[in-house]
Amino acid sequence: MRQVTYLGLLFLGVAVTNQVLAILARYVSEKLAWTATNQLREDLAMHCLLLDMSFHNKRTPGEMIERVDGDLGHLANFFSQFTIRIIGSLLMLIGVLAVLYLRIDWRVGLAMTAYAIVTLFGLAVLRSVALPAWKEAGEANAGLFGFLEKHLSGTEDIRANGGEANSMNFLFHHAGRRMQTERAASFKNVKLWGSTTGFHMLGHLIGLGSGVLVVRLW
């Protein structure tokens, strides 16, 4: 009973420590992400203000807001999740492979290493397919925000000149393009998640098969 109590307290201590470390890592990564991107927003805004009028004539204020703030918001999310997910998963992968090589069987470690390499390569290929679609969706979103800002600020002039129908047609065009591009990007994203699930199941099969072979060899 004393040993069971000790193991239970040890498990509880490790679980609490893990949660505390996760919170601290999330806090540090979020603070770092917002500090870096806020400075980047200032630099980008200053760069845009120093450009000549030919640039500003081609870009609406709404599009500029979406580019300077929206795109950098996505960048901040990437920075805040990088430490927790990418580096944490990489350290776990290295630890698991080290245990397989040193404590279990080098053949199992070799099989899982090959699986990890194939999975990383496959996910990189799938990401390169989905990324252009999301880039196009971001451009459509920026175009919609630019249209809204421009036409909402000129509502009185549009009504005075009878341009409501024309403005609505442009609105339907921008909203439809945004819907089509985001839907196409979402479908490619579903394929990416489906492939990720397939790789996950493949890893389970390789792990179970390797375990059976190790038991039979021993």
C-alpha atoms as a PDB file:
ATOM      1  CA  MET A   1       0.000   0.000   0.000  1.00  0.00           C
ATOM      2  CA  ARG A   2       2.875   2.357   0.747  1.00  0.00           C
ATOM      3  CA  GLN A   3       4.360   1.751  -2.694  1.00  0.00           C
ATOM      4  CA  VAL A   4       0.993   2.352  -4.399  1.00  0.00           C
ATOM      5  CA  THR A   5       0.572   5.595  -2.451  1.00  0.00           C
ATOM      6  CA  TYR A   6       4.067   6.676  -3.440  1.00  0.00           C
ATOM      7  CA  LEU A   7       3.387   5.982  -7.127  1.00  0.00           C
ATOM      8  CA  GLY A   8       0.068   7.846  -6.949  1.00  0.00           C
ATOM      9  CA  LEU A   9       1.659  10.902  -5.352  1.00  0.00           C
ATOM     10  CA  LEU A  10       4.481  10.761  -7.895  1.00  0.00           C
ATOM     11  CA  PHE A  11       1.979  10.656 -10.778  1.00  0.00           C
ATOM     12  CA  LEU A  12       0.031  13.561  -9.257  1.00  0.00           C
ATOM     13  CA  GLY A  13       3.206  15.590  -8.793  1.00  0.00           C
ATOM     14  CA  VAL A  14       4.322  14.982 -12.374  1.00  0.00           C
ATOM     15  CA  ALA A  15       0.860  15.910 -13.696  1.00  0.00           C
ATOM     16  CA  VAL A  16       0.740  19.156 -11.696  1.00  0.00           C
ATOM     17  CA  THR A  17       4.307  20.033 -12.721  1.00  0.00           C
ATOM     18  CA  ASN A  18       3.412  19.390 -16.343  1.00  0.00           C
ATOM     19  CA  GLN A  19       0.434  21.744 -16.162  1.00  0.00           C
ATOM     20  CA  VAL A  20       2.487  24.470 -14.465  1.00  0.00           C
ATOM     21  CA  LEU A  21       5.224  24.192 -17.083  1.00  0.00           C
ATOM     22  CA  ALA A  22       2.640  24.264 -19.885  1.00  0.00           C
ATOM     23  CA  ILE A  23       1.094  27.450 -18.479  1.00  0.00           C
ATOM     24  CA  LEU A  24       4.496  29.099 -18.073  1.00  0.00           C
ATOM     25  CA  ALA A  25       5.535  28.092 -21.588  1.00  0.00           C
ATOM     26  CA  ARG A  26       2.267  29.439 -23.015  1.00  0.00           C
ATOM     27  CA  TYR A  27       2.688  32.729 -21.102  1.00  0.00           C
ATOM     28  CA  VAL A  28       6.268  33.226 -22.247  1.00  0.00           C
ATOM     29  CA  SER A  29       5.478  32.309 -25.870  1.00  0.00           C
ATOM     30  CA  GLU A  30       2.411  34.593 -26.013  1.00  0.00           C
ATOM     31  CA  LYS A  31       4.359  37.495 -24.527  1.00  0.00           C
ATOM     32  CA  LEU A  32       7.225  36.934 -26.948  1.00  0.00           C
ATOM     33  CA  ALA A  33       4.848  36.649 -29.911  1.00  0.00           C
ATOM     34  CA  TRP A  34       2.959  39.856 -29.155  1.00  0.00           C
ATOM     35  CA  THR A  35       6.140  41.798 -28.359  1.00  0.00           C
ATOM     36  CA  ALA A  36       7.748  40.740 -31.634  1.00  0.00           C
ATOM     37  CA  THR A  37       4.663  41.287 -33.793  1.00  0.00           C
ATOM     38  CA  ASN A  38       3.804  44.647 -32.211  1.00  0.00           C
ATOM     39  CA  GLN A  39       7.270  45.899 -33.070  1.00  0.00           C
ATOM     40  CA  LEU A  40       6.832  44.445 -36.538  1.00  0.00           C
ATOM     41  CA  ARG A  41       3.489  46.263 -36.887  1.00  0.00           C
ATOM     42  CA  GLU A  42       5.185  49.547 -36.039  1.00  0.00           C
ATOM     43  CA  ASP A  43       7.993  48.942 -38.532  1.00  0.00           C
ATOM     44  CA  LEU A  44       5.584  47.872 -41.276  1.00  0.00           C
ATOM     45  CA  ALA A  45       3.247  50.828 -40.680  1.00  0.00           C
ATOM     46  CA  MET A  46       6.189  53.244 -40.785  1.00  0.00           C
ATOM     47  CA  HIS A  47       7.454  51.603 -43.978  1.00  0.00           C
ATOM     48  CA  CYS A  48       4.035  52.006 -45.609  1.00  0.00           C
ATOM     49  CA  LEU A  49       3.773  55.653 -44.520  1.00  0.00           C
ATOM     50  CA  LEU A  50       7.107  56.420 -46.168  1.00  0.00           C
ATOM     51  CA  LEU A  51       6.043  54.964 -49.540  1.00  0.00           C
ATOM     52  CA  ASP A  52       4.927  57.299 -52.311  1.00  0.00           C
ATOM     53  CA  MET A  53       1.307  57.904 -53.324  1.00  0.00           C
ATOM     54  CA  SER A  54       1.429  55.458 -56.239  1.00  0.00           C
ATOM     55  CA  PHE A  55       1.464  52.629 -53.695  1.00  0.00           C
ATOM     56  CA  HIS A  56      -1.385  54.063 -51.621  1.00  0.00           C
ATOM     57  CA  ASN A  57      -3.499  54.695 -54.708  1.00  0.00           C
ATOM     58  CA  LYS A  58      -3.405  50.972 -55.449  1.00  0.00           C
ATOM     59  CA  ARG A  59      -4.233  49.887 -51.863  1.00  0.00           C
ATOM     60  CA  THR A  60      -7.410  50.683 -49.979  1.00  0.00           C
ATOM     61  CA  PRO A  61      -7.267  51.521 -46.240  1.00  0.00           C
ATOM     62  CA  GLY A  62      -9.246  48.376 -45.402  1.00  0.00           C
ATOM     63  CA  GLU A  63      -6.761  46.189 -47.251  1.00  0.00           C
ATOM     64  CA  MET A  64      -3.888  47.914 -45.472  1.00  0.00           C
ATOM     65  CA  ILE A  65      -5.516  47.245 -42.076  1.00  0.00           C
ATOM     66  CA  GLU A  66      -6.024  43.583 -42.942  1.00  0.00           C
ATOM     67  CA  ARG A  67      -2.426  43.240 -44.123  1.00  0.00           C
ATOM     68  CA  VAL A  68      -0.764  45.088 -41.264  1.00  0.00           C
ATOM     69  CA  ASP A  69      -2.944  43.767 -38.439  1.00  0.00           C
ATOM     70  CA  GLY A  70      -4.642  40.573 -39.676  1.00  0.00           C
ATOM     71  CA  ASP A  71      -1.641  38.882 -41.273  1.00  0.00           C
ATOM     72  CA  LEU A  72       0.573  39.734 -38.313  1.00  0.00           C
ATOM     73  CA  GLY A  73      -2.101  38.352 -35.987  1.00  0.00           C
ATOM     74  CA  HIS A  74      -1.726  34.988 -37.715  1.00  0.00           C
ATOM     75  CA  LEU A  75       2.029  35.326 -37.317  1.00  0.00           C
ATOM     76  CA  ALA A  76       1.579  35.951 -33.593  1.00  0.00           C
ATOM     77  CA  ASN A  77      -0.501  32.772 -33.285  1.00  0.00           C
ATOM     78  CA  PHE A  78       2.279  30.849 -35.008  1.00  0.00           C
ATOM     79  CA  PHE A  79       4.911  32.236 -32.647  1.00  0.00           C
ATOM     80  CA  SER A  80       2.801  31.498 -29.576  1.00  0.00           C
ATOM     81  CA  GLN A  81       2.233  27.862 -30.588  1.00  0.00           C
ATOM     82  CA  PHE A  82       5.704  27.149 -31.971  1.00  0.00           C
ATOM     83  CA  THR A  83       7.438  26.490 -28.658  1.00  0.00           C
ATOM     84  CA  ILE A  84       4.657  24.373 -27.203  1.00  0.00           C
ATOM     85  CA  ARG A  85       3.729  22.242 -30.194  1.00  0.00           C
ATOM     86  CA  ILE A  86       6.681  22.088 -32.558  1.00  0.00           C
ATOM     87  CA  ILE A  87       9.612  22.055 -30.154  1.00  0.00           C
ATOM     88  CA  GLY A  88       7.700  19.989 -27.568  1.00  0.00           C
ATOM     89  CA  SER A  89       6.727  17.385 -30.159  1.00  0.00           C
ATOM     90  CA  LEU A  90      10.260  17.299 -31.531  1.00  0.00           C
ATOM     91  CA  LEU A  91      11.725  16.669 -28.072  1.00  0.00           C
ATOM     92  CA  MET A  92       9.170  13.931 -27.438  1.00  0.00           C
ATOM     93  CA  LEU A  93      10.023  12.309 -30.786  1.00  0.00           C
ATOM     94  CA  ILE A  94      13.730  12.337 -29.973  1.00  0.00           C
ATOM     95  CA  GLY A  95      13.075  10.902 -26.504  1.00  0.00           C
ATOM     96  CA  VAL A  96      10.846   8.108 -27.818  1.00  0.00           C
ATOM     97  CA  LEU A  97      13.359   7.114 -30.488  1.00  0.00           C
ATOM     98  CA  ALA A  98      16.177   7.162 -27.944  1.00  0.00           C
ATOM     99  CA  VAL A  99      14.238   4.827 -25.634  1.00  0.00           C
ATOM    100  CA  LEU A 100      13.450   2.498 -28.541  1.00  0.00           C
ATOM    101  CA  TYR A 101      17.090   2.316 -29.614  1.00  0.00           C
ATOM    102  CA  LEU A 102      18.624   2.032 -26.144  1.00  0.00           C
ATOM    103  CA  ARG A 103      16.031   0.134 -24.090  1.00  0.00           C
ATOM    104  CA  ILE A 104      13.757  -1.833 -26.441  1.00  0.00           C
ATOM    105  CA  ASP A 105      15.288  -2.936 -29.738  1.00  0.00           C
ATOM    106  CA  TRP A 106      17.291  -1.114 -32.383  1.00  0.00           C
ATOM    107  CA  ARG A 107      15.165  -2.641 -35.156  1.00  0.00           C
ATOM    108  CA  VAL A 108      12.022  -1.133 -33.652  1.00  0.00           C
ATOM    109  CA  GLY A 109      13.814   2.202 -33.388  1.00  0.00           C
ATOM    110  CA  LEU A 110      14.892   1.948 -37.009  1.00  0.00           C
ATOM    111  CA  ALA A 111      11.342   1.200 -38.161  1.00  0.00           C
ATOM    112  CA  MET A 112       9.906   4.132 -36.203  1.00  0.00           C
ATOM    113  CA  THR A 113      12.679   6.421 -37.486  1.00  0.00           C
ATOM    114  CA  ALA A 114      11.762   5.530 -41.068  1.00  0.00           C
ATOM    115  CA  TYR A 115       8.103   6.118 -40.240  1.00  0.00           C
ATOM    116  CA  ALA A 116       8.878   9.539 -38.725  1.00  0.00           C
ATOM    117  CA  ILE A 117      10.886  10.603 -41.791  1.00  0.00           C
ATOM    118  CA  VAL A 118       8.167   9.474 -44.215  1.00  0.00           C
ATOM    119  CA  THR A 119       5.479  11.217 -42.143  1.00  0.00           C
ATOM    120  CA  LEU A 120       7.385  14.498 -41.954  1.00  0.00           C
ATOM    121  CA  PHE A 121       8.063  14.421 -45.695  1.00  0.00           C
ATOM    122  CA  GLY A 122       4.412  13.621 -46.482  1.00  0.00           C
ATOM    123  CA  LEU A 123       3.103  16.409 -44.261  1.00  0.00           C
ATOM    124  CA  ALA A 124       5.543  18.871 -45.842  1.00  0.00           C
ATOM    125  CA  VAL A 125       4.248  17.951 -49.313  1.00  0.00           C
ATOM    126  CA  LEU A 126       0.620  18.299 -48.201  1.00  0.00           C
ATOM    127  CA  ARG A 127       1.351  21.646 -46.563  1.00  0.00           C
ATOM    128  CA  SER A 128       2.825  22.975 -49.796  1.00  0.00           C
ATOM    129  CA  VAL A 129      -0.441  22.033 -51.537  1.00  0.00           C
ATOM    130  CA  ALA A 130      -2.720  23.726 -48.984  1.00  0.00           C
ATOM    131  CA  LEU A 131      -0.624  26.873 -48.456  1.00  0.00           C
ATOM    132  CA  PRO A 132      -1.311  28.548 -51.858  1.00  0.00           C
ATOM    133  CA  ALA A 133      -5.060  28.055 -51.364  1.00  0.00           C
ATOM    134  CA  TRP A 134      -4.982  29.809 -47.988  1.00  0.00           C
ATOM    135  CA  LYS A 135      -2.844  32.584 -49.480  1.00  0.00           C
ATOM    136  CA  GLU A 136      -5.497  33.167 -52.129  1.00  0.00           C
ATOM    137  CA  ALA A 137      -8.189  33.144 -49.438  1.00  0.00           C
ATOM    138  CA  GLY A 138      -6.240  35.771 -47.481  1.00  0.00           C
ATOM    139  CA  GLU A 139      -6.060  37.989 -50.567  1.00  0.00           C
ATOM    140  CA  ALA A 140      -9.816  37.644 -51.075  1.00  0.00           C
ATOM    141  CA  ASN A 141     -10.404  38.533 -47.425  1.00  0.00           C
ATOM    142  CA  ALA A 142      -8.199  41.612 -47.739  1.00  0.00           C
ATOM    143  CA  GLY A 143     -10.084  42.656 -50.883  1.00  0.00           C
ATOM    144  CA  LEU A 144     -13.418  42.349 -49.074  1.00  0.00           C
ATOM    145  CA  PHE A 145     -12.235  44.461 -46.136  1.00  0.00           C
ATOM    146  CA  GLY A 146     -10.858  47.060 -48.509  1.00  0.00           C
ATOM    147  CA  PHE A 147     -14.171  47.229 -50.376  1.00  0.00           C
ATOM    148  CA  LEU A 148     -16.187  47.552 -47.158  1.00  0.00           C
ATOM    149  CA  GLU A 149     -14.026  50.358 -45.775  1.00  0.00           C
ATOM    150  CA  LYS A 150     -14.092  52.303 -49.025  1.00  0.00           C
ATOM    151  CA  HIS A 151     -17.828  52.027 -49.675  1.00  0.00           C
ATOM    152  CA  LEU A 152     -18.957  52.509 -46.077  1.00  0.00           C
ATOM    153  CA  SER A 153     -16.992  55.746 -45.844  1.00  0.00           C
ATOM    154  CA  GLY A 154     -18.596  56.934 -49.101  1.00  0.00           C
ATOM    155  CA  THR A 155     -22.190  55.859 -48.350  1.00  0.00           C
ATOM    156  CA  GLU A 156     -23.645  59.353 -48.788  1.00  0.00           C
ATOM    157  CA  ASP A 157     -21.968  59.880 -52.164  1.00  0.00           C
ATOM    158  CA  ILE A 158     -23.080  56.434 -53.364  1.00  0.00           C
ATOM    159  CA  ARG A 159     -26.703  57.142 -52.450  1.00  0.00           C
ATOM    160  CA  ALA A 160     -26.612  60.639 -53.945  1.00  0.00           C
ATOM    161  CA  ASN A 161     -25.433  59.240 -57.278  1.00  0.00           C
ATOM    162  CA  GLY A 162     -27.731  56.189 -57.265  1.00  0.00           C
ATOM    163  CA  GLY A 163     -24.945  53.665 -57.021  1.00  0.00           C
ATOM    164  CA  GLU A 164     -26.532  51.305 -54.475  1.00  0.00           C
ATOM    165  CA  ALA A 165     -27.113  48.508 -56.988  1.00  0.00           C
ATOM    166  CA  ASN A 166     -23.580  48.783 -58.341  1.00  0.00           C
ATOM    167  CA  SER A 167     -22.126  48.687 -54.813  1.00  0.00           C
ATOM    168  CA  MET A 168     -24.207  45.622 -53.951  1.00  0.00           C
ATOM    169  CA  ASN A 169     -22.958  43.848 -57.071  1.00  0.00           C
ATOM    170  CA  PHE A 170     -19.370  44.555 -56.033  1.00  0.00           C
ATOM    171  CA  LEU A 171     -20.177  43.344 -52.513  1.00  0.00           C
ATOM    172  CA  PHE A 172     -21.602  40.077 -53.855  1.00  0.00           C
ATOM    173  CA  HIS A 173     -18.507  39.668 -56.030  1.00  0.00           C
ATOM    174  CA  HIS A 174     -16.038  40.142 -53.155  1.00  0.00           C
ATOM    175  CA  ALA A 175     -18.074  38.075 -50.678  1.00  0.00           C
ATOM    176  CA  GLY A 176     -18.529  35.286 -53.239  1.00  0.00           C
ATOM    177  CA  ARG A 177     -14.811  35.221 -54.027  1.00  0.00           C
ATOM    178  CA  ARG A 178     -14.002  35.038 -50.331  1.00  0.00           C
ATOM    179  CA  MET A 179     -16.470  32.176 -49.837  1.00  0.00           C
ATOM    180  CA  GLN A 180     -15.145  30.228 -52.836  1.00  0.00           C
ATOM    181  CA  THR A 181     -11.488  30.626 -51.917  1.00  0.00           C
ATOM    182  CA  GLU A 182     -12.022  29.765 -48.245  1.00  0.00           C
ATOM    183  CA  ARG A 183     -14.164  26.772 -49.163  1.00  0.00           C
ATOM    184  CA  ALA A 184     -11.493  25.467 -51.545  1.00  0.00           C
ATOM    185  CA  ALA A 185      -8.822  26.034 -48.895  1.00  0.00           C
ATOM    186  CA  SER A 186     -10.963  24.290 -46.263  1.00  0.00           C
ATOM    187  CA  PHE A 187     -11.372  21.234 -48.505  1.00  0.00           C
ATOM    188  CA  LYS A 188      -7.612  21.013 -48.907  1.00  0.00           C
ATOM    189  CA  ASN A 189      -7.287  21.444 -45.158  1.00  0.00           C
ATOM    190  CA  VAL A 190      -9.646  18.494 -44.643  1.00  0.00           C
ATOM    191  CA  LYS A 191      -7.422  16.402 -46.894  1.00  0.00           C
ATOM    192  CA  LEU A 192      -4.438  17.461 -44.812  1.00  0.00           C
ATOM    193  CA  TRP A 193      -6.121  16.424 -41.546  1.00  0.00           C
ATOM    194  CA  GLY A 194      -7.314  13.172 -43.117  1.00  0.00           C
ATOM    195  CA  SER A 195      -3.791  12.358 -44.232  1.00  0.00           C
ATOM    196  CA  THR A 196      -2.514  13.218 -40.750  1.00  0.00           C
ATOM    197  CA  THR A 197      -4.990  10.738 -39.264  1.00  0.00           C
ATOM    198  CA  GLY A 198      -3.832   8.131 -41.767  1.00  0.00           C
ATOM    199  CA  PHE A 199      -0.201   8.655 -40.793  1.00  0.00           C
ATOM    200  CA  HIS A 200      -1.239   8.404 -37.137  1.00  0.00           C
ATOM    201  CA  MET A 201      -2.923   5.044 -37.706  1.00  0.00           C
ATOM    202  CA  LEU A 202       0.089   3.852 -39.698  1.00  0.00           C
ATOM    203  CA  GLY A 203       2.283   4.649 -36.707  1.00  0.00           C
ATOM    204  CA  HIS A 204       0.027   2.561 -34.466  1.00  0.00           C
ATOM    205  CA  LEU A 205       0.223  -0.367 -36.877  1.00  0.00           C
ATOM    206  CA  ILE A 206       4.010  -0.169 -37.086  1.00  0.00           C
ATOM    207  CA  GLY A 207       4.291   0.072 -33.298  1.00  0.00           C
ATOM    208  CA  LEU A 208       2.001  -2.903 -32.672  1.00  0.00           C
ATOM    209  CA  GLY A 209       3.662  -4.983 -35.391  1.00  0.00           C
ATOM    210  CA  SER A 210       7.115  -4.188 -34.065  1.00  0.00           C
ATOM    211  CA  GLY A 211       6.003  -5.123 -30.546  1.00  0.00           C
ATOM    212  CA  VAL A 212       4.742  -8.507 -31.741  1.00  0.00           C
ATOM    213  CA  LEU A 213       8.011  -9.189 -33.583  1.00  0.00           C
ATOM    214  CA  VAL A 214      10.098  -8.214 -30.557  1.00  0.00           C
ATOM    215  CA  VAL A 215       8.083 -10.488 -28.248  1.00  0.00           C
ATOM    216  CA  ARG A 216       8.435 -13.412 -30.647  1.00  0.00           C
ATOM    217  CA  LEU A 217      12.157 -12.841 -31.096  1.00  0.00           C
ATOM    218  CA  TRP A 218      12.696 -12.699 -27.353  1.00  0.00           C
END
